[in-house]
Amino acid sequence: MIHARALPPAALLALSGGLAACAEPGGAAPAGAAVPEYLGIETRLLDSDLVQFHLALRGGGRAEIDDYARCAAAQYALIRGMGFARHIRTTASAEAGTWRGDAVYTISA
């Protein structure tokens, strides 16, 4: 479960700046590491507290899809004035170097 109010200020700044997968502002990737290209997120409200995120990226893998979804859920919770995002499931697939994810979270105060 993500508790959005407990995030450090640097993480909140990163989230409000466009979801750079919760990276510290100005943080450098380790030498030789691929830097993902975040291709966007589509958010769909399934119920009053159930949210689905469709997302895509290039230059990463399954772990980056999970991180991207987690950050999207945290930002969504903050935007809605909620304090928690609980992970339900994430599926991921790759085709021609592009990873696509489908994540579902519950959001609550």
Protein backbone atom coordinates (compact mmCIF):
# COMPACT_ATOMS: atom_id res chain seq x y z
CA MET A 1 0.00 0.00 0.00
CA ILE A 2 1.24 3.48 -0.81
CA HIS A 3 0.65 6.14 1.82
CA ALA A 4 0.87 9.32 -0.24
CA ARG A 5 1.07 11.66 2.73
CA ALA A 6 4.19 9.88 3.98
CA LEU A 7 6.18 10.48 0.81
CA PRO A 8 9.26 12.65 1.25
CA PRO A 9 9.07 16.16 -0.23
CA ALA A 10 11.47 15.24 -3.05
CA ALA A 11 9.16 12.40 -4.14
CA LEU A 12 6.14 14.71 -4.07
CA LEU A 13 8.05 17.20 -6.20
CA ALA A 14 8.95 14.46 -8.70
CA LEU A 15 5.32 13.29 -8.84
CA SER A 16 3.98 16.77 -9.46
CA GLY A 17 6.55 17.30 -12.20
CA GLY A 18 5.22 14.74 -14.63
CA LEU A 19 5.77 11.28 -13.19
CA ALA A 20 9.42 10.68 -13.91
CA ALA A 21 8.87 7.26 -12.27
CA CYS A 22 9.46 8.83 -8.84
CA ALA A 23 13.08 9.71 -9.61
CA GLU A 24 14.76 12.31 -7.48
CA PRO A 25 14.91 15.63 -9.36
CA GLY A 26 18.32 15.91 -10.96
CA GLY A 27 19.14 12.30 -10.08
CA ALA A 28 21.38 10.52 -12.53
CA ALA A 29 20.90 6.98 -13.76
CA PRO A 30 23.72 4.57 -12.95
CA ALA A 31 26.41 4.31 -15.64
CA GLY A 32 25.27 2.04 -18.45
CA ALA A 33 21.66 1.93 -17.28
CA ALA A 34 18.93 2.45 -19.86
CA VAL A 35 16.86 5.53 -19.14
CA PRO A 36 13.19 4.72 -19.78
CA GLU A 37 11.14 6.91 -22.09
CA TYR A 38 7.73 7.33 -20.43
CA LEU A 39 5.05 7.28 -23.13
CA GLY A 40 2.05 8.26 -21.05
CA ILE A 41 -0.71 7.02 -18.80
CA GLU A 42 -4.44 6.67 -19.39
CA THR A 43 -6.47 6.71 -16.18
CA ARG A 44 -9.90 5.11 -15.95
CA LEU A 45 -12.14 5.28 -12.88
CA LEU A 46 -13.76 1.83 -12.56
CA ASP A 47 -15.69 2.60 -9.36
CA SER A 48 -15.67 5.36 -6.77
CA ASP A 49 -12.49 3.96 -5.20
CA LEU A 50 -11.13 1.67 -7.95
CA VAL A 51 -8.78 3.11 -10.58
CA GLN A 52 -7.17 1.51 -13.64
CA PHE A 53 -3.99 2.82 -15.28
CA HIS A 54 -2.91 1.89 -18.81
CA LEU A 55 0.70 2.94 -19.31
CA ALA A 56 3.59 2.50 -21.72
CA LEU A 57 7.34 3.03 -21.78
CA ARG A 58 10.43 2.26 -23.86
CA GLY A 59 13.90 1.47 -22.58
CA GLY A 60 12.89 -0.32 -19.43
CA GLY A 61 11.30 -3.56 -18.34
CA ARG A 62 8.79 -5.10 -16.00
CA ALA A 63 10.22 -3.39 -12.91
CA GLU A 64 9.91 0.03 -14.57
CA ILE A 65 6.26 -0.69 -15.48
CA ASP A 66 5.57 -1.51 -11.81
CA ASP A 67 7.34 1.69 -10.68
CA TYR A 68 5.50 3.81 -13.26
CA ALA A 69 2.12 2.42 -12.15
CA ARG A 70 2.99 2.95 -8.47
CA CYS A 71 3.87 6.59 -9.13
CA ALA A 72 0.70 7.12 -11.18
CA ALA A 73 -1.38 5.73 -8.31
CA ALA A 74 0.38 7.94 -5.74
CA GLN A 75 -0.12 11.04 -7.85
CA TYR A 76 -3.77 10.16 -8.51
CA ALA A 77 -4.37 9.71 -4.77
CA LEU A 78 -2.80 13.11 -4.03
CA ILE A 79 -4.80 14.85 -6.76
CA ARG A 80 -8.03 13.39 -5.34
CA GLY A 81 -7.13 14.41 -1.79
CA MET A 82 -6.74 10.80 -0.68
CA GLY A 83 -3.94 9.34 1.41
CA PHE A 84 -3.68 5.72 0.31
CA ALA A 85 -3.31 3.70 -2.89
CA ARG A 86 -3.50 -0.08 -2.51
CA HIS A 87 -2.18 -2.24 -5.34
CA ILE A 88 -4.64 -4.82 -6.70
CA ARG A 89 -2.82 -6.10 -9.78
CA THR A 90 -0.48 -5.16 -12.63
CA THR A 91 -0.09 -6.99 -15.92
CA ALA A 92 2.64 -6.18 -18.41
CA SER A 93 3.67 -7.15 -21.92
CA ALA A 94 6.41 -6.12 -24.32
CA GLU A 95 6.35 -5.76 -28.08
CA ALA A 96 9.03 -4.24 -30.30
CA GLY A 97 10.81 -2.63 -27.34
CA THR A 98 7.67 -0.99 -25.91
CA TRP A 99 6.35 -2.18 -22.57
CA ARG A 100 2.64 -1.76 -21.81
CA GLY A 101 1.08 -2.13 -18.40
CA ASP A 102 -2.42 -2.40 -16.99
CA ALA A 103 -2.57 -1.68 -13.26
CA VAL A 104 -5.49 -1.46 -10.84
CA TYR A 105 -5.42 0.25 -7.44
CA THR A 106 -7.95 1.13 -4.76
CA ILE A 107 -7.74 4.71 -3.51
CA SER A 108 -8.87 5.78 -0.03
CA ALA A 109 -8.45 8.48 2.60
